[in-house]
Amino acid sequence: MFTPEQYRQKAAQYDALLKTARTPAEEAEYRDLKQSYGSLAENLDWLAANSAKTVGSGKHPSLRERAERDDAYAEQENVLRCLGAAVILNWNTIPQKLQRALFEAASSIENSERKAPLKDVLAQFLHDHKDDAQKQQQHQNGG
């Protein structure tokens, strides 16, 4: 792995090459490489200066930090749950192409606790609940 100084040296090399570029494409390539190496150096500097703020820094979170994190996870879980319910309630109004894309995306999400393949579970769930939105709307309309 490079050090920030080594990245800066590479950026300087491309800066020198930038001055000798013969074509606009070559100039753009050298400029992009100079900026990339400069950014890598800045990123390493930032990581060194902020190592205590990064994940896996070895610092154990306090009880308050853990509680805040757990609250944030609970809030995110609630948002995802509500969003998922909204999708299911409107499933029959979603175009088939989008239904397939959502189904494939959901099927690809990993879960080590799952006993059956998620694709099968999702297919069964969608089949079992395909008319739920219509039933709920009839109930709300007094039907």
N, C-alpha and C. Protein backbone atom coordinates (compact mmCIF):
# COMPACT_ATOMS: atom_id res chain seq x y z
N MET A 1 0.84 -1.18 0.00
CA MET A 1 0.00 0.00 0.00
C MET A 1 0.89 1.24 0.00
N PHE A 2 0.45 2.25 -0.71
CA PHE A 2 1.20 3.49 -0.81
C PHE A 2 0.98 4.36 0.41
N THR A 3 1.93 5.25 0.64
CA THR A 3 1.77 6.27 1.68
C THR A 3 1.22 7.52 1.00
N PRO A 4 0.70 8.47 1.78
CA PRO A 4 0.22 9.71 1.17
C PRO A 4 1.31 10.41 0.35
N GLU A 5 2.54 10.38 0.84
CA GLU A 5 3.64 11.04 0.11
C GLU A 5 3.90 10.35 -1.23
N GLN A 6 3.81 9.02 -1.27
CA GLN A 6 4.01 8.30 -2.54
C GLN A 6 2.90 8.65 -3.53
N TYR A 7 1.67 8.79 -3.03
CA TYR A 7 0.58 9.21 -3.92
C TYR A 7 0.83 10.62 -4.43
N ARG A 8 1.33 11.50 -3.58
CA ARG A 8 1.62 12.87 -4.01
C ARG A 8 2.74 12.88 -5.08
N GLN A 9 3.72 12.00 -4.92
CA GLN A 9 4.80 11.91 -5.91
C GLN A 9 4.24 11.46 -7.27
N LYS A 10 3.32 10.48 -7.24
CA LYS A 10 2.69 10.03 -8.50
C LYS A 10 1.88 11.18 -9.11
N ALA A 11 1.17 11.93 -8.27
CA ALA A 11 0.40 13.06 -8.76
C ALA A 11 1.34 14.08 -9.42
N ALA A 12 2.49 14.31 -8.81
CA ALA A 12 3.47 15.25 -9.37
C ALA A 12 4.01 14.76 -10.71
N GLN A 13 4.21 13.45 -10.83
CA GLN A 13 4.68 12.89 -12.11
C GLN A 13 3.66 13.15 -13.21
N TYR A 14 2.39 12.95 -12.88
CA TYR A 14 1.35 13.19 -13.89
C TYR A 14 1.17 14.67 -14.16
N ASP A 15 1.48 15.52 -13.17
CA ASP A 15 1.45 16.96 -13.39
C ASP A 15 2.52 17.35 -14.40
N ALA A 16 3.71 16.74 -14.28
CA ALA A 16 4.79 17.01 -15.22
C ALA A 16 4.41 16.50 -16.62
N LEU A 17 3.80 15.32 -16.68
CA LEU A 17 3.38 14.78 -17.97
C LEU A 17 2.27 15.62 -18.59
N LEU A 18 1.45 16.21 -17.76
CA LEU A 18 0.35 17.06 -18.23
C LEU A 18 0.89 18.22 -19.05
N LYS A 19 2.06 18.74 -18.66
CA LYS A 19 2.66 19.87 -19.37
C LYS A 19 3.22 19.48 -20.74
N THR A 20 3.42 18.15 -20.93
CA THR A 20 3.98 17.69 -22.20
C THR A 20 2.96 16.93 -23.05
N ALA A 21 1.70 16.97 -22.64
CA ALA A 21 0.66 16.24 -23.37
C ALA A 21 0.56 16.75 -24.81
N ARG A 22 0.36 15.79 -25.74
CA ARG A 22 0.32 16.15 -27.16
C ARG A 22 -1.10 16.24 -27.71
N THR A 23 -2.03 15.60 -27.03
CA THR A 23 -3.42 15.61 -27.51
C THR A 23 -4.35 15.97 -26.36
N PRO A 24 -5.53 16.45 -26.68
CA PRO A 24 -6.50 16.74 -25.61
C PRO A 24 -6.86 15.48 -24.79
N ALA A 25 -6.92 14.33 -25.45
CA ALA A 25 -7.23 13.09 -24.74
C ALA A 25 -6.12 12.74 -23.75
N GLU A 26 -4.87 12.91 -24.18
CA GLU A 26 -3.73 12.64 -23.31
C GLU A 26 -3.74 13.62 -22.13
N GLU A 27 -4.04 14.88 -22.41
CA GLU A 27 -4.12 15.90 -21.37
C GLU A 27 -5.19 15.54 -20.34
N ALA A 28 -6.36 15.12 -20.82
CA ALA A 28 -7.45 14.74 -19.92
C ALA A 28 -7.07 13.53 -19.08
N GLU A 29 -6.40 12.55 -19.69
CA GLU A 29 -5.98 11.36 -18.96
C GLU A 29 -4.99 11.72 -17.85
N TYR A 30 -3.99 12.53 -18.16
CA TYR A 30 -3.00 12.93 -17.16
C TYR A 30 -3.64 13.76 -16.05
N ARG A 31 -4.56 14.66 -16.41
CA ARG A 31 -5.24 15.47 -15.41
C ARG A 31 -6.05 14.58 -14.47
N ASP A 32 -6.77 13.61 -15.03
CA ASP A 32 -7.57 12.70 -14.21
C ASP A 32 -6.69 11.87 -13.28
N LEU A 33 -5.56 11.38 -13.80
CA LEU A 33 -4.67 10.58 -12.97
C LEU A 33 -4.04 11.43 -11.86
N LYS A 34 -3.66 12.67 -12.20
CA LYS A 34 -3.10 13.58 -11.19
C LYS A 34 -4.13 13.80 -10.08
N GLN A 35 -5.37 14.07 -10.46
CA GLN A 35 -6.42 14.30 -9.47
C GLN A 35 -6.69 13.05 -8.64
N SER A 36 -6.69 11.88 -9.28
CA SER A 36 -6.94 10.63 -8.55
C SER A 36 -5.88 10.38 -7.50
N TYR A 37 -4.61 10.52 -7.89
CA TYR A 37 -3.54 10.28 -6.92
C TYR A 37 -3.56 11.33 -5.82
N GLY A 38 -3.89 12.57 -6.16
CA GLY A 38 -4.01 13.61 -5.15
C GLY A 38 -5.13 13.30 -4.17
N SER A 39 -6.25 12.81 -4.69
CA SER A 39 -7.38 12.45 -3.83
C SER A 39 -7.02 11.28 -2.92
N LEU A 40 -6.29 10.30 -3.45
CA LEU A 40 -5.89 9.16 -2.63
C LEU A 40 -5.00 9.63 -1.47
N ALA A 41 -4.09 10.55 -1.75
CA ALA A 41 -3.23 11.09 -0.69
C ALA A 41 -4.07 11.80 0.37
N GLU A 42 -5.02 12.63 -0.08
CA GLU A 42 -5.89 13.34 0.87
C GLU A 42 -6.73 12.36 1.69
N ASN A 43 -7.22 11.31 1.04
CA ASN A 43 -8.03 10.32 1.77
C ASN A 43 -7.21 9.63 2.86
N LEU A 44 -5.98 9.25 2.53
CA LEU A 44 -5.13 8.62 3.54
C LEU A 44 -4.82 9.58 4.68
N ASP A 45 -4.58 10.85 4.35
CA ASP A 45 -4.36 11.85 5.39
C ASP A 45 -5.59 11.95 6.30
N TRP A 46 -6.77 11.99 5.68
CA TRP A 46 -8.00 12.10 6.46
C TRP A 46 -8.17 10.87 7.36
N LEU A 47 -7.93 9.68 6.80
CA LEU A 47 -8.07 8.46 7.60
C LEU A 47 -7.11 8.46 8.80
N ALA A 48 -5.90 8.92 8.57
CA ALA A 48 -4.93 8.97 9.67
C ALA A 48 -5.38 9.96 10.74
N ALA A 49 -5.92 11.09 10.32
CA ALA A 49 -6.34 12.11 11.27
C ALA A 49 -7.64 11.75 11.99
N ASN A 50 -8.44 10.88 11.38
CA ASN A 50 -9.76 10.56 11.92
C ASN A 50 -9.94 9.08 12.21
N SER A 51 -8.86 8.39 12.51
CA SER A 51 -8.94 6.93 12.69
C SER A 51 -9.91 6.53 13.79
N ALA A 52 -10.06 7.36 14.80
CA ALA A 52 -10.97 7.01 15.90
C ALA A 52 -12.43 7.09 15.47
N LYS A 53 -12.69 7.77 14.36
CA LYS A 53 -14.08 7.94 13.89
C LYS A 53 -14.49 6.87 12.88
N THR A 54 -13.56 6.02 12.47
CA THR A 54 -13.88 5.04 11.44
C THR A 54 -14.33 3.72 12.04
N VAL A 55 -15.08 2.96 11.28
CA VAL A 55 -15.55 1.65 11.73
C VAL A 55 -14.36 0.72 11.90
N GLY A 56 -14.42 -0.08 12.95
CA GLY A 56 -13.35 -1.04 13.17
C GLY A 56 -12.08 -0.40 13.73
N SER A 57 -12.23 0.73 14.34
CA SER A 57 -11.05 1.42 14.88
C SER A 57 -10.54 0.76 16.15
N GLY A 58 -11.27 -0.23 16.67
CA GLY A 58 -10.86 -0.90 17.89
C GLY A 58 -11.44 -0.24 19.13
N LYS A 59 -12.00 0.93 18.97
CA LYS A 59 -12.61 1.64 20.09
C LYS A 59 -14.02 1.08 20.29
N HIS A 60 -14.32 0.67 21.51
CA HIS A 60 -15.63 0.11 21.80
C HIS A 60 -16.61 1.24 22.07
N PRO A 61 -17.80 1.17 21.48
CA PRO A 61 -18.76 2.26 21.69
C PRO A 61 -19.28 2.26 23.13
N SER A 62 -19.61 3.45 23.60
CA SER A 62 -20.17 3.57 24.94
C SER A 62 -21.61 3.05 24.92
N LEU A 63 -22.17 2.88 26.11
CA LEU A 63 -23.57 2.44 26.18
C LEU A 63 -24.50 3.42 25.48
N ARG A 64 -24.23 4.73 25.65
CA ARG A 64 -25.05 5.75 25.00
C ARG A 64 -24.94 5.64 23.48
N GLU A 65 -23.70 5.45 22.97
CA GLU A 65 -23.49 5.33 21.52
C GLU A 65 -24.18 4.08 20.99
N ARG A 66 -24.11 2.99 21.76
CA ARG A 66 -24.80 1.76 21.35
C ARG A 66 -26.31 1.95 21.32
N ALA A 67 -26.84 2.64 22.33
CA ALA A 67 -28.28 2.89 22.39
C ALA A 67 -28.72 3.76 21.22
N GLU A 68 -27.92 4.78 20.90
CA GLU A 68 -28.24 5.65 19.76
C GLU A 68 -28.21 4.86 18.45
N ARG A 69 -27.20 3.99 18.32
CA ARG A 69 -27.09 3.17 17.12
C ARG A 69 -28.27 2.21 17.02
N ASP A 70 -28.63 1.59 18.15
CA ASP A 70 -29.77 0.68 18.16
C ASP A 70 -31.07 1.41 17.81
N ASP A 71 -31.22 2.63 18.32
CA ASP A 71 -32.41 3.44 17.98
C ASP A 71 -32.44 3.74 16.48
N ALA A 72 -31.27 4.08 15.93
CA ALA A 72 -31.20 4.38 14.48
C ALA A 72 -31.54 3.13 13.67
N TYR A 73 -31.03 1.96 14.10
CA TYR A 73 -31.36 0.72 13.40
C TYR A 73 -32.85 0.42 13.48
N ALA A 74 -33.43 0.64 14.66
CA ALA A 74 -34.86 0.38 14.84
C ALA A 74 -35.68 1.31 13.95
N GLU A 75 -35.26 2.56 13.86
CA GLU A 75 -35.97 3.51 12.99
C GLU A 75 -35.86 3.09 11.53
N GLN A 76 -34.65 2.69 11.11
CA GLN A 76 -34.46 2.23 9.74
C GLN A 76 -35.30 0.99 9.46
N GLU A 77 -35.33 0.07 10.42
CA GLU A 77 -36.12 -1.14 10.25
C GLU A 77 -37.59 -0.80 10.10
N ASN A 78 -38.08 0.16 10.88
CA ASN A 78 -39.47 0.58 10.79
C ASN A 78 -39.76 1.20 9.42
N VAL A 79 -38.84 2.05 8.93
CA VAL A 79 -39.01 2.66 7.62
C VAL A 79 -39.08 1.58 6.54
N LEU A 80 -38.16 0.62 6.60
CA LEU A 80 -38.15 -0.46 5.60
C LEU A 80 -39.42 -1.31 5.69
N ARG A 81 -39.87 -1.56 6.90
CA ARG A 81 -41.09 -2.34 7.10
C ARG A 81 -42.29 -1.62 6.50
N CYS A 82 -42.41 -0.31 6.77
CA CYS A 82 -43.52 0.48 6.23
C CYS A 82 -43.45 0.57 4.71
N LEU A 83 -42.25 0.77 4.20
CA LEU A 83 -42.08 0.84 2.75
C LEU A 83 -42.44 -0.50 2.10
N GLY A 84 -41.99 -1.59 2.71
CA GLY A 84 -42.32 -2.91 2.18
C GLY A 84 -43.82 -3.16 2.21
N ALA A 85 -44.47 -2.76 3.29
CA ALA A 85 -45.93 -2.94 3.38
C ALA A 85 -46.62 -2.12 2.30
N ALA A 86 -46.15 -0.89 2.07
CA ALA A 86 -46.75 -0.06 1.03
C ALA A 86 -46.59 -0.70 -0.35
N VAL A 87 -45.44 -1.29 -0.59
CA VAL A 87 -45.22 -1.96 -1.88
C VAL A 87 -46.18 -3.14 -2.02
N ILE A 88 -46.30 -3.94 -0.97
CA ILE A 88 -47.19 -5.10 -1.02
C ILE A 88 -48.64 -4.67 -1.22
N LEU A 89 -49.05 -3.62 -0.51
CA LEU A 89 -50.45 -3.16 -0.62
C LEU A 89 -50.76 -2.63 -2.02
N ASN A 90 -49.74 -2.18 -2.73
CA ASN A 90 -49.94 -1.64 -4.08
C ASN A 90 -49.38 -2.56 -5.17
N TRP A 91 -49.05 -3.78 -4.80
CA TRP A 91 -48.38 -4.71 -5.72
C TRP A 91 -49.12 -4.87 -7.04
N ASN A 92 -50.42 -5.02 -6.99
CA ASN A 92 -51.19 -5.27 -8.22
C ASN A 92 -51.27 -4.05 -9.13
N THR A 93 -50.92 -2.87 -8.63
CA THR A 93 -50.94 -1.67 -9.47
C THR A 93 -49.57 -1.37 -10.07
N ILE A 94 -48.57 -2.11 -9.63
CA ILE A 94 -47.20 -1.90 -10.12
C ILE A 94 -47.04 -2.64 -11.45
N PRO A 95 -46.45 -1.99 -12.45
CA PRO A 95 -46.23 -2.68 -13.74
C PRO A 95 -45.42 -3.97 -13.54
N GLN A 96 -45.74 -4.97 -14.36
CA GLN A 96 -45.10 -6.29 -14.21
C GLN A 96 -43.58 -6.22 -14.30
N LYS A 97 -43.07 -5.38 -15.18
CA LYS A 97 -41.62 -5.28 -15.32
C LYS A 97 -40.99 -4.81 -14.01
N LEU A 98 -41.62 -3.84 -13.37
CA LEU A 98 -41.11 -3.35 -12.08
C LEU A 98 -41.33 -4.40 -10.99
N GLN A 99 -42.45 -5.13 -11.05
CA GLN A 99 -42.67 -6.21 -10.08
C GLN A 99 -41.53 -7.22 -10.16
N ARG A 100 -41.18 -7.62 -11.38
CA ARG A 100 -40.09 -8.59 -11.55
C ARG A 100 -38.77 -8.04 -11.02
N ALA A 101 -38.50 -6.75 -11.32
CA ALA A 101 -37.25 -6.15 -10.86
C ALA A 101 -37.21 -6.10 -9.33
N LEU A 102 -38.32 -5.72 -8.69
CA LEU A 102 -38.39 -5.69 -7.23
C LEU A 102 -38.23 -7.10 -6.65
N PHE A 103 -38.89 -8.07 -7.27
CA PHE A 103 -38.82 -9.45 -6.81
C PHE A 103 -37.38 -9.97 -6.89
N GLU A 104 -36.71 -9.72 -8.02
CA GLU A 104 -35.33 -10.18 -8.18
C GLU A 104 -34.40 -9.49 -7.19
N ALA A 105 -34.60 -8.18 -7.00
CA ALA A 105 -33.75 -7.45 -6.05
C ALA A 105 -33.95 -7.98 -4.63
N ALA A 106 -35.20 -8.19 -4.23
CA ALA A 106 -35.48 -8.70 -2.89
C ALA A 106 -34.95 -10.12 -2.73
N SER A 107 -35.03 -10.91 -3.77
CA SER A 107 -34.56 -12.30 -3.71
C SER A 107 -33.06 -12.40 -3.53
N SER A 108 -32.36 -11.37 -3.94
CA SER A 108 -30.89 -11.43 -3.88
C SER A 108 -30.34 -10.98 -2.53
N ILE A 109 -31.20 -10.47 -1.64
CA ILE A 109 -30.74 -10.01 -0.34
C ILE A 109 -30.40 -11.22 0.53
N GLU A 110 -29.20 -11.18 1.11
CA GLU A 110 -28.72 -12.30 1.92
C GLU A 110 -29.32 -12.27 3.32
N ASN A 111 -29.61 -13.46 3.85
CA ASN A 111 -30.09 -13.61 5.22
C ASN A 111 -29.70 -15.00 5.68
N SER A 112 -28.75 -15.08 6.57
CA SER A 112 -28.23 -16.37 7.00
C SER A 112 -29.23 -17.14 7.86
N GLU A 113 -30.25 -16.46 8.41
CA GLU A 113 -31.23 -17.13 9.27
C GLU A 113 -32.33 -17.83 8.47
N ARG A 114 -32.37 -17.61 7.18
CA ARG A 114 -33.43 -18.14 6.34
C ARG A 114 -33.32 -19.65 6.19
N LYS A 115 -34.46 -20.31 6.32
CA LYS A 115 -34.47 -21.77 6.17
C LYS A 115 -34.74 -22.16 4.72
N ALA A 116 -35.73 -21.52 4.08
CA ALA A 116 -36.05 -21.78 2.69
C ALA A 116 -35.43 -20.68 1.83
N PRO A 117 -35.17 -20.96 0.55
CA PRO A 117 -34.64 -19.91 -0.33
C PRO A 117 -35.62 -18.73 -0.36
N LEU A 118 -35.10 -17.53 -0.23
CA LEU A 118 -35.95 -16.34 -0.16
C LEU A 118 -36.83 -16.20 -1.38
N LYS A 119 -36.35 -16.59 -2.53
CA LYS A 119 -37.15 -16.49 -3.75
C LYS A 119 -38.45 -17.27 -3.59
N ASP A 120 -38.37 -18.47 -3.03
CA ASP A 120 -39.56 -19.29 -2.82
C ASP A 120 -40.49 -18.66 -1.78
N VAL A 121 -39.91 -18.15 -0.70
CA VAL A 121 -40.70 -17.53 0.36
C VAL A 121 -41.41 -16.29 -0.18
N LEU A 122 -40.69 -15.46 -0.94
CA LEU A 122 -41.30 -14.26 -1.52
C LEU A 122 -42.42 -14.62 -2.48
N ALA A 123 -42.19 -15.60 -3.33
CA ALA A 123 -43.22 -16.01 -4.29
C ALA A 123 -44.47 -16.48 -3.56
N GLN A 124 -44.30 -17.27 -2.52
CA GLN A 124 -45.45 -17.76 -1.75
C GLN A 124 -46.16 -16.61 -1.05
N PHE A 125 -45.39 -15.70 -0.46
CA PHE A 125 -45.98 -14.55 0.23
C PHE A 125 -46.80 -13.70 -0.74
N LEU A 126 -46.23 -13.39 -1.89
CA LEU A 126 -46.94 -12.57 -2.87
C LEU A 126 -48.20 -13.27 -3.35
N HIS A 127 -48.12 -14.57 -3.54
CA HIS A 127 -49.30 -15.34 -3.95
C HIS A 127 -50.38 -15.30 -2.86
N ASP A 128 -49.96 -15.50 -1.62
CA ASP A 128 -50.92 -15.54 -0.50
C ASP A 128 -51.57 -14.19 -0.26
N HIS A 129 -50.88 -13.11 -0.59
CA HIS A 129 -51.38 -11.76 -0.27
C HIS A 129 -51.73 -10.95 -1.50
N LYS A 130 -51.92 -11.59 -2.64
CA LYS A 130 -52.14 -10.83 -3.87
C LYS A 130 -53.40 -9.99 -3.86
N ASP A 131 -54.41 -10.35 -3.07
CA ASP A 131 -55.66 -9.60 -3.05
C ASP A 131 -55.82 -8.76 -1.78
N ASP A 132 -54.80 -8.65 -0.95
CA ASP A 132 -54.91 -7.93 0.32
C ASP A 132 -55.30 -6.47 0.13
N ALA A 133 -54.72 -5.79 -0.84
CA ALA A 133 -55.01 -4.37 -1.04
C ALA A 133 -56.47 -4.17 -1.42
N GLN A 134 -56.99 -5.05 -2.27
CA GLN A 134 -58.40 -4.93 -2.67
C GLN A 134 -59.30 -5.18 -1.47
N LYS A 135 -58.98 -6.17 -0.65
CA LYS A 135 -59.78 -6.46 0.54
C LYS A 135 -59.76 -5.29 1.52
N GLN A 136 -58.57 -4.68 1.70
CA GLN A 136 -58.46 -3.56 2.62
C GLN A 136 -59.26 -2.37 2.11
N GLN A 137 -59.20 -2.12 0.80
CA GLN A 137 -59.95 -0.99 0.24
C GLN A 137 -61.45 -1.23 0.35
N GLN A 138 -61.92 -2.46 0.11
CA GLN A 138 -63.34 -2.77 0.25
C GLN A 138 -63.78 -2.56 1.69
N HIS A 139 -62.92 -2.98 2.63
CA HIS A 139 -63.24 -2.84 4.05
C HIS A 139 -63.36 -1.35 4.43
N GLN A 140 -62.44 -0.53 3.91
CA GLN A 140 -62.46 0.89 4.22
C GLN A 140 -63.67 1.60 3.58
N ASN A 141 -64.11 1.09 2.45
CA ASN A 141 -65.26 1.68 1.76
C ASN A 141 -66.59 1.14 2.27
N GLY A 142 -66.51 0.28 3.29
CA GLY A 142 -67.74 -0.28 3.88
C GLY A 142 -68.29 -1.44 3.10
N GLY A 143 -67.47 -2.06 2.28
CA GLY A 143 -67.96 -3.15 1.44
C GLY A 143 -67.62 -4.44 1.97
